[in-house]
Each structure stands twice: as C-alpha cells, then as structure tokens.
Amino acid sequence: MGIVEGVDGGLGLEGSGVITRLAPGVENLNIGDRVLVCDGGCLATTIVTTAKLCAKIPDKLSFEDAATMPCVYSTVIHSIVNIGGLESGQSVLIHSGCGGVGIAAIQICRMLGAEVNIQPSEITKANPSRFLRPLEAKRRFNTS
C-alpha cells in the first residue's frame, strides 16, 4: 500500500529451520544448526538472510514453537525492558495475559524478578482456572 515502510521480502516475518549454507565470515552459526529467524519472506521453503537475524534453538524446542517466538518476545523485550526499564521488585499489570505477547511478558517479567499481575482476556474469563492457574500470577484482575 506504500503507507508504511517495511521489509520487502515477501510474506512472513518469523520462521525456523536448519542452516544449509553459510557466507564466509559467519562465526556463531554452523551448517546443520537449528535456528529461528526474524526476517521478511519467512513464509517459504528456503530463505537467505543475515546471521544477525538468526538464533540457535535447543533440540527440545520444536520448529513450530520456535517460529512463533521472535515477534512476541522482541515486542516484550523492547517495550517492557528497553523502553519501560522494568527492574526486579517492580510490579507489572499484563492485559490479555494468555495470548502470545502476554505469555512472553509474564515469562520475561518473572525472569527479571518483577511482580506479575494479569487482567485476563474475554476467553479466559469463561474458564479462568484453566488458563490462568498455570501462569501463577500474583493477582488477577477482572475489569468487566
């Protein structure tokens, strides 16, 4: 549409796979490494990208799960850590805590030692124990 500048590489912004070729000078990746990638054009069977946009994934993590992580975790890290400056001991209220960004936010906040409070989305209000118990929030808020 030409309204917003962005990556002009096709559909898909995140993916995962196995490295089959490397450019000269790449030091932290090897052929055969399992990686996730955050780049345009990931909705494809093969892509060519820079090593800076790839991260190794552990063997226990499926390719499907890895491909869902770059956008949600980078959103949380940038907004809550880089811009918000979250530190240990602070508290956070996470809206829609059971969605992808919400779950990533809960995990990052816990990792940093913050107190996590959740305001559930509409779907979780119907059966809060099923969705919210595993998240172990300090407090759950119902705003309806």
N, C-alpha and C. Protein backbone atom coordinates (compact mmCIF):
# COMPACT_ATOMS: atom_id res chain seq x y z
N MET A 1 0.81 -1.19 0.00
CA MET A 1 0.00 0.00 0.00
C MET A 1 0.86 1.25 0.00
N GLY A 2 2.11 1.12 0.41
CA GLY A 2 3.00 2.26 0.39
C GLY A 2 2.85 3.22 1.55
N ILE A 3 2.05 2.86 2.55
CA ILE A 3 1.83 3.76 3.68
C ILE A 3 2.96 3.65 4.70
N VAL A 4 3.38 2.43 4.95
CA VAL A 4 4.41 2.16 5.95
C VAL A 4 5.59 1.47 5.28
N GLU A 5 6.78 2.00 5.54
CA GLU A 5 7.97 1.33 5.02
C GLU A 5 8.21 0.06 5.82
N GLY A 6 8.68 -0.96 5.16
CA GLY A 6 8.94 -2.21 5.86
C GLY A 6 9.81 -3.12 5.02
N VAL A 7 9.88 -4.35 5.47
CA VAL A 7 10.67 -5.35 4.77
C VAL A 7 9.97 -5.71 3.47
N ASP A 8 10.70 -5.71 2.39
CA ASP A 8 10.13 -6.04 1.09
C ASP A 8 10.66 -7.39 0.64
N GLY A 9 10.35 -8.42 1.44
CA GLY A 9 10.89 -9.73 1.11
C GLY A 9 9.84 -10.80 1.00
N GLY A 10 8.59 -10.44 0.95
CA GLY A 10 7.53 -11.44 0.86
C GLY A 10 6.83 -11.63 2.19
N LEU A 11 5.93 -12.58 2.22
CA LEU A 11 5.12 -12.83 3.40
C LEU A 11 5.90 -13.54 4.50
N GLY A 12 5.51 -13.27 5.74
CA GLY A 12 6.11 -13.95 6.89
C GLY A 12 7.26 -13.16 7.48
N LEU A 13 7.20 -12.96 8.79
CA LEU A 13 8.26 -12.21 9.47
C LEU A 13 9.06 -13.06 10.45
N GLU A 14 8.64 -14.30 10.69
CA GLU A 14 9.38 -15.17 11.60
C GLU A 14 9.28 -16.60 11.10
N GLY A 15 10.33 -17.36 11.36
CA GLY A 15 10.36 -18.75 10.91
C GLY A 15 11.44 -19.51 11.63
N SER A 16 11.60 -20.76 11.25
CA SER A 16 12.64 -21.60 11.84
C SER A 16 13.06 -22.64 10.82
N GLY A 17 14.22 -23.22 11.03
CA GLY A 17 14.71 -24.23 10.10
C GLY A 17 16.13 -24.64 10.42
N VAL A 18 16.76 -25.24 9.43
CA VAL A 18 18.13 -25.75 9.57
C VAL A 18 19.02 -25.02 8.57
N ILE A 19 20.18 -24.60 9.01
CA ILE A 19 21.12 -23.90 8.14
C ILE A 19 21.74 -24.90 7.16
N THR A 20 21.65 -24.56 5.87
CA THR A 20 22.22 -25.44 4.84
C THR A 20 23.45 -24.83 4.16
N ARG A 21 23.60 -23.51 4.24
CA ARG A 21 24.78 -22.84 3.67
C ARG A 21 25.13 -21.64 4.52
N LEU A 22 26.40 -21.26 4.52
CA LEU A 22 26.86 -20.09 5.26
C LEU A 22 27.74 -19.22 4.37
N ALA A 23 27.64 -17.93 4.58
CA ALA A 23 28.52 -17.00 3.89
C ALA A 23 29.89 -17.00 4.59
N PRO A 24 30.93 -16.64 3.88
CA PRO A 24 32.24 -16.54 4.52
C PRO A 24 32.20 -15.54 5.67
N GLY A 25 32.87 -15.85 6.75
CA GLY A 25 32.98 -14.94 7.88
C GLY A 25 31.92 -15.12 8.96
N VAL A 26 30.92 -15.96 8.75
CA VAL A 26 29.92 -16.21 9.79
C VAL A 26 30.57 -17.08 10.86
N GLU A 27 30.56 -16.59 12.12
CA GLU A 27 31.31 -17.27 13.18
C GLU A 27 30.45 -18.02 14.19
N ASN A 28 29.24 -17.55 14.46
CA ASN A 28 28.47 -18.13 15.56
C ASN A 28 27.44 -19.17 15.12
N LEU A 29 27.38 -19.46 13.84
CA LEU A 29 26.45 -20.46 13.32
C LEU A 29 27.20 -21.46 12.46
N ASN A 30 26.63 -22.66 12.37
CA ASN A 30 27.25 -23.72 11.57
C ASN A 30 26.20 -24.39 10.70
N ILE A 31 26.64 -25.00 9.61
CA ILE A 31 25.73 -25.78 8.77
C ILE A 31 25.16 -26.90 9.65
N GLY A 32 23.85 -27.08 9.58
CA GLY A 32 23.17 -28.09 10.39
C GLY A 32 22.55 -27.54 11.67
N ASP A 33 22.89 -26.30 12.05
CA ASP A 33 22.29 -25.70 13.25
C ASP A 33 20.80 -25.48 13.05
N ARG A 34 20.04 -25.75 14.10
CA ARG A 34 18.61 -25.44 14.14
C ARG A 34 18.49 -24.00 14.62
N VAL A 35 17.74 -23.17 13.87
CA VAL A 35 17.66 -21.75 14.20
C VAL A 35 16.23 -21.23 14.05
N LEU A 36 15.98 -20.11 14.73
CA LEU A 36 14.80 -19.31 14.45
C LEU A 36 15.30 -18.06 13.76
N VAL A 37 14.44 -17.44 12.98
CA VAL A 37 14.83 -16.26 12.21
C VAL A 37 13.70 -15.24 12.23
N CYS A 38 14.08 -13.99 12.24
CA CYS A 38 13.11 -12.89 12.19
C CYS A 38 13.48 -12.01 11.00
N ASP A 39 12.82 -12.24 9.87
CA ASP A 39 13.13 -11.52 8.64
C ASP A 39 11.93 -11.62 7.71
N GLY A 40 11.86 -10.78 6.73
CA GLY A 40 10.78 -10.85 5.75
C GLY A 40 10.95 -12.06 4.86
N GLY A 41 9.83 -12.56 4.35
CA GLY A 41 9.87 -13.68 3.41
C GLY A 41 10.00 -15.04 4.04
N CYS A 42 9.70 -15.15 5.33
CA CYS A 42 9.86 -16.44 6.03
C CYS A 42 8.80 -17.47 5.67
N LEU A 43 7.73 -17.05 5.02
CA LEU A 43 6.70 -17.99 4.61
C LEU A 43 7.14 -18.61 3.28
N ALA A 44 8.18 -19.43 3.36
CA ALA A 44 8.80 -20.03 2.18
C ALA A 44 9.51 -21.32 2.60
N THR A 45 9.88 -22.12 1.63
CA THR A 45 10.61 -23.35 1.95
C THR A 45 12.09 -23.10 2.18
N THR A 46 12.63 -22.06 1.57
CA THR A 46 14.02 -21.66 1.82
C THR A 46 14.10 -20.14 1.81
N ILE A 47 15.03 -19.61 2.61
CA ILE A 47 15.28 -18.16 2.61
C ILE A 47 16.78 -17.92 2.72
N VAL A 48 17.20 -16.75 2.32
CA VAL A 48 18.57 -16.30 2.50
C VAL A 48 18.48 -15.05 3.37
N THR A 49 19.21 -15.04 4.48
CA THR A 49 19.15 -13.92 5.41
C THR A 49 20.51 -13.72 6.04
N THR A 50 20.65 -12.69 6.84
CA THR A 50 21.89 -12.42 7.55
C THR A 50 21.93 -13.22 8.86
N ALA A 51 23.12 -13.58 9.27
CA ALA A 51 23.29 -14.33 10.53
C ALA A 51 22.80 -13.51 11.72
N LYS A 52 22.79 -12.19 11.60
CA LYS A 52 22.35 -11.32 12.71
C LYS A 52 20.88 -11.52 13.04
N LEU A 53 20.10 -12.05 12.12
CA LEU A 53 18.67 -12.24 12.33
C LEU A 53 18.32 -13.68 12.72
N CYS A 54 19.34 -14.49 12.98
CA CYS A 54 19.14 -15.90 13.35
C CYS A 54 19.61 -16.14 14.78
N ALA A 55 18.96 -17.09 15.44
CA ALA A 55 19.37 -17.51 16.77
C ALA A 55 19.22 -19.02 16.87
N LYS A 56 20.21 -19.66 17.45
CA LYS A 56 20.13 -21.12 17.63
C LYS A 56 18.99 -21.47 18.56
N ILE A 57 18.37 -22.61 18.31
CA ILE A 57 17.30 -23.09 19.19
C ILE A 57 17.71 -24.45 19.77
N PRO A 58 17.29 -24.74 20.99
CA PRO A 58 17.63 -26.02 21.60
C PRO A 58 16.90 -27.18 20.93
N ASP A 59 17.46 -28.37 21.04
CA ASP A 59 16.86 -29.56 20.43
C ASP A 59 15.46 -29.84 20.95
N LYS A 60 15.19 -29.48 22.20
CA LYS A 60 13.88 -29.75 22.79
C LYS A 60 12.78 -28.85 22.24
N LEU A 61 13.14 -27.74 21.62
CA LEU A 61 12.16 -26.79 21.10
C LEU A 61 11.80 -27.17 19.66
N SER A 62 10.51 -27.35 19.39
CA SER A 62 10.08 -27.71 18.04
C SER A 62 10.25 -26.52 17.10
N PHE A 63 10.34 -26.82 15.82
CA PHE A 63 10.43 -25.76 14.82
C PHE A 63 9.16 -24.90 14.85
N GLU A 64 8.01 -25.55 15.05
CA GLU A 64 6.75 -24.82 15.09
C GLU A 64 6.72 -23.82 16.24
N ASP A 65 7.15 -24.25 17.43
CA ASP A 65 7.18 -23.35 18.57
C ASP A 65 8.21 -22.24 18.38
N ALA A 66 9.36 -22.59 17.86
CA ALA A 66 10.42 -21.59 17.64
C ALA A 66 9.97 -20.50 16.68
N ALA A 67 9.21 -20.89 15.66
CA ALA A 67 8.78 -19.92 14.65
C ALA A 67 7.76 -18.92 15.19
N THR A 68 7.19 -19.18 16.36
CA THR A 68 6.21 -18.25 16.93
C THR A 68 6.85 -17.27 17.91
N MET A 69 8.11 -17.40 18.20
CA MET A 69 8.72 -16.65 19.29
C MET A 69 9.34 -15.29 18.95
N PRO A 70 9.96 -15.09 17.80
CA PRO A 70 10.68 -13.82 17.60
C PRO A 70 9.85 -12.56 17.78
N CYS A 71 8.70 -12.48 17.17
CA CYS A 71 7.90 -11.24 17.24
C CYS A 71 7.36 -10.98 18.64
N VAL A 72 6.84 -12.02 19.31
CA VAL A 72 6.26 -11.76 20.63
C VAL A 72 7.34 -11.42 21.66
N TYR A 73 8.44 -12.14 21.65
CA TYR A 73 9.50 -11.85 22.64
C TYR A 73 10.22 -10.55 22.34
N SER A 74 10.43 -10.24 21.07
CA SER A 74 11.08 -8.95 20.76
C SER A 74 10.15 -7.78 21.11
N THR A 75 8.84 -7.97 20.94
CA THR A 75 7.87 -6.95 21.36
C THR A 75 7.97 -6.69 22.85
N VAL A 76 8.00 -7.76 23.64
CA VAL A 76 8.05 -7.64 25.10
C VAL A 76 9.38 -7.04 25.55
N ILE A 77 10.47 -7.55 25.04
CA ILE A 77 11.78 -7.05 25.46
C ILE A 77 11.93 -5.57 25.12
N HIS A 78 11.50 -5.18 23.93
CA HIS A 78 11.63 -3.77 23.56
C HIS A 78 10.73 -2.88 24.40
N SER A 79 9.47 -3.28 24.56
CA SER A 79 8.53 -2.39 25.25
C SER A 79 8.71 -2.38 26.76
N ILE A 80 8.83 -3.54 27.37
CA ILE A 80 8.89 -3.61 28.83
C ILE A 80 10.30 -3.38 29.38
N VAL A 81 11.29 -3.92 28.70
CA VAL A 81 12.67 -3.80 29.21
C VAL A 81 13.35 -2.55 28.67
N ASN A 82 13.43 -2.41 27.35
CA ASN A 82 14.17 -1.29 26.76
C ASN A 82 13.49 0.06 27.00
N ILE A 83 12.20 0.14 26.72
CA ILE A 83 11.50 1.42 26.87
C ILE A 83 11.00 1.61 28.30
N GLY A 84 10.37 0.59 28.87
CA GLY A 84 9.80 0.70 30.21
C GLY A 84 10.82 0.63 31.33
N GLY A 85 11.97 0.04 31.07
CA GLY A 85 13.03 -0.04 32.08
C GLY A 85 12.68 -0.92 33.28
N LEU A 86 11.90 -1.98 33.06
CA LEU A 86 11.49 -2.84 34.17
C LEU A 86 12.68 -3.41 34.91
N GLU A 87 12.58 -3.39 36.24
CA GLU A 87 13.64 -3.92 37.10
C GLU A 87 13.04 -4.86 38.14
N SER A 88 13.88 -5.64 38.75
CA SER A 88 13.46 -6.56 39.80
C SER A 88 12.75 -5.80 40.91
N GLY A 89 11.66 -6.39 41.42
CA GLY A 89 10.92 -5.78 42.50
C GLY A 89 9.79 -4.87 42.07
N GLN A 90 9.77 -4.44 40.82
CA GLN A 90 8.67 -3.63 40.32
C GLN A 90 7.49 -4.53 40.00
N SER A 91 6.30 -3.94 39.86
CA SER A 91 5.13 -4.74 39.51
C SER A 91 4.64 -4.34 38.12
N VAL A 92 4.00 -5.31 37.46
CA VAL A 92 3.52 -5.12 36.10
C VAL A 92 2.11 -5.66 36.00
N LEU A 93 1.22 -4.92 35.33
CA LEU A 93 -0.11 -5.40 35.01
C LEU A 93 -0.11 -5.76 33.53
N ILE A 94 -0.38 -7.02 33.23
CA ILE A 94 -0.36 -7.51 31.86
C ILE A 94 -1.80 -7.76 31.42
N HIS A 95 -2.23 -7.03 30.40
CA HIS A 95 -3.56 -7.23 29.83
C HIS A 95 -3.52 -8.40 28.86
N SER A 96 -4.57 -9.18 28.80
CA SER A 96 -4.64 -10.35 27.91
C SER A 96 -3.43 -11.25 28.13
N GLY A 97 -3.26 -11.66 29.36
CA GLY A 97 -2.08 -12.43 29.75
C GLY A 97 -1.99 -13.83 29.17
N CYS A 98 -3.01 -14.29 28.47
CA CYS A 98 -2.98 -15.65 27.92
C CYS A 98 -2.71 -15.69 26.43
N GLY A 99 -2.48 -14.55 25.81
CA GLY A 99 -2.11 -14.52 24.40
C GLY A 99 -0.60 -14.67 24.25
N GLY A 100 -0.12 -14.68 23.04
CA GLY A 100 1.32 -14.86 22.79
C GLY A 100 2.18 -13.81 23.45
N VAL A 101 1.84 -12.53 23.26
CA VAL A 101 2.62 -11.45 23.86
C VAL A 101 2.45 -11.47 25.38
N GLY A 102 1.25 -11.77 25.86
CA GLY A 102 1.01 -11.83 27.30
C GLY A 102 1.84 -12.90 27.99
N ILE A 103 1.88 -14.08 27.39
CA ILE A 103 2.67 -15.18 27.98
C ILE A 103 4.15 -14.84 27.95
N ALA A 104 4.62 -14.27 26.84
CA ALA A 104 6.02 -13.85 26.76
C ALA A 104 6.32 -12.79 27.82
N ALA A 105 5.38 -11.85 28.02
CA ALA A 105 5.58 -10.80 29.02
C ALA A 105 5.67 -11.39 30.42
N ILE A 106 4.81 -12.34 30.72
CA ILE A 106 4.85 -12.99 32.03
C ILE A 106 6.21 -13.65 32.25
N GLN A 107 6.70 -14.37 31.26
CA GLN A 107 7.98 -15.06 31.40
C GLN A 107 9.15 -14.09 31.55
N ILE A 108 9.18 -13.04 30.75
CA ILE A 108 10.26 -12.05 30.84
C ILE A 108 10.21 -11.33 32.18
N CYS A 109 9.01 -10.94 32.61
CA CYS A 109 8.88 -10.24 33.90
C CYS A 109 9.34 -11.13 35.06
N ARG A 110 8.97 -12.38 35.03
CA ARG A 110 9.42 -13.32 36.07
C ARG A 110 10.94 -13.46 36.05
N MET A 111 11.49 -13.57 34.85
CA MET A 111 12.94 -13.72 34.72
C MET A 111 13.66 -12.53 35.35
N LEU A 112 13.06 -11.34 35.24
CA LEU A 112 13.66 -10.13 35.79
C LEU A 112 13.35 -9.93 37.27
N GLY A 113 12.47 -10.77 37.84
CA GLY A 113 12.14 -10.66 39.25
C GLY A 113 11.05 -9.65 39.55
N ALA A 114 10.19 -9.37 38.58
CA ALA A 114 9.09 -8.42 38.78
C ALA A 114 7.85 -9.17 39.29
N GLU A 115 6.97 -8.43 39.97
CA GLU A 115 5.68 -8.98 40.41
C GLU A 115 4.71 -8.91 39.24
N VAL A 116 4.10 -10.05 38.90
CA VAL A 116 3.23 -10.13 37.74
C VAL A 116 1.77 -10.12 38.16
N ASN A 117 0.98 -9.23 37.56
CA ASN A 117 -0.46 -9.14 37.76
C ASN A 117 -1.11 -9.25 36.38
N ILE A 118 -2.20 -10.02 36.29
CA ILE A 118 -2.82 -10.28 35.00
C ILE A 118 -4.25 -9.79 34.96
N GLN A 119 -4.62 -9.15 33.86
CA GLN A 119 -6.00 -8.84 33.56
C GLN A 119 -6.35 -9.75 32.39
N PRO A 120 -7.18 -10.80 32.63
CA PRO A 120 -7.42 -11.79 31.58
C PRO A 120 -8.26 -11.26 30.43
N SER A 121 -8.11 -11.89 29.28
CA SER A 121 -8.92 -11.54 28.12
C SER A 121 -10.28 -12.19 28.25
N GLU A 122 -11.17 -11.88 27.35
CA GLU A 122 -12.54 -12.40 27.40
C GLU A 122 -12.58 -13.92 27.41
N ILE A 123 -11.75 -14.57 26.61
CA ILE A 123 -11.79 -16.03 26.53
C ILE A 123 -11.39 -16.68 27.85
N THR A 124 -10.49 -16.06 28.59
CA THR A 124 -10.05 -16.66 29.85
C THR A 124 -11.06 -16.42 30.96
N LYS A 125 -11.90 -15.40 30.82
CA LYS A 125 -12.90 -15.12 31.85
C LYS A 125 -13.94 -16.25 31.94
N ALA A 126 -14.17 -16.95 30.83
CA ALA A 126 -15.14 -18.05 30.81
C ALA A 126 -14.65 -19.23 31.63
N ASN A 127 -13.35 -19.46 31.66
CA ASN A 127 -12.77 -20.59 32.40
C ASN A 127 -11.42 -20.17 32.96
N PRO A 128 -11.40 -19.27 33.94
CA PRO A 128 -10.14 -18.69 34.40
C PRO A 128 -9.16 -19.71 34.98
N SER A 129 -9.65 -20.74 35.66
CA SER A 129 -8.71 -21.68 36.28
C SER A 129 -7.93 -22.45 35.24
N ARG A 130 -8.55 -22.75 34.11
CA ARG A 130 -7.86 -23.49 33.04
C ARG A 130 -6.71 -22.68 32.45
N PHE A 131 -6.94 -21.40 32.22
CA PHE A 131 -5.94 -20.59 31.55
C PHE A 131 -4.98 -19.88 32.50
N LEU A 132 -5.46 -19.45 33.64
CA LEU A 132 -4.65 -18.60 34.49
C LEU A 132 -3.84 -19.34 35.55
N ARG A 133 -4.31 -20.49 36.00
CA ARG A 133 -3.57 -21.21 37.04
C ARG A 133 -2.13 -21.51 36.63
N PRO A 134 -1.90 -21.99 35.40
CA PRO A 134 -0.50 -22.26 35.02
C PRO A 134 0.38 -21.03 34.96
N LEU A 135 -0.21 -19.84 34.84
CA LEU A 135 0.57 -18.61 34.72
C LEU A 135 1.05 -18.09 36.07
N GLU A 136 0.45 -18.55 37.15
CA GLU A 136 0.88 -18.22 38.51
C GLU A 136 1.08 -16.72 38.72
N ALA A 137 0.09 -15.96 38.37
CA ALA A 137 0.17 -14.52 38.61
C ALA A 137 -0.07 -14.23 40.08
N LYS A 138 0.50 -13.14 40.56
CA LYS A 138 0.29 -12.73 41.95
C LYS A 138 -1.16 -12.32 42.16
N ARG A 139 -1.71 -11.53 41.21
CA ARG A 139 -3.10 -11.08 41.28
C ARG A 139 -3.72 -11.19 39.90
N ARG A 140 -5.02 -11.46 39.89
CA ARG A 140 -5.77 -11.47 38.65
C ARG A 140 -6.88 -10.45 38.77
N PHE A 141 -7.00 -9.58 37.79
CA PHE A 141 -7.99 -8.51 37.81
C PHE A 141 -9.10 -8.81 36.81
N ASN A 142 -10.35 -8.61 37.20
CA ASN A 142 -11.47 -8.74 36.30
C ASN A 142 -12.05 -7.36 36.08
N THR A 143 -11.97 -6.86 34.87
CA THR A 143 -12.39 -5.49 34.59
C THR A 143 -13.77 -5.40 33.99
N SER A 144 -14.49 -6.52 33.93
CA SER A 144 -15.83 -6.46 33.33
C SER A 144 -16.87 -6.10 34.37
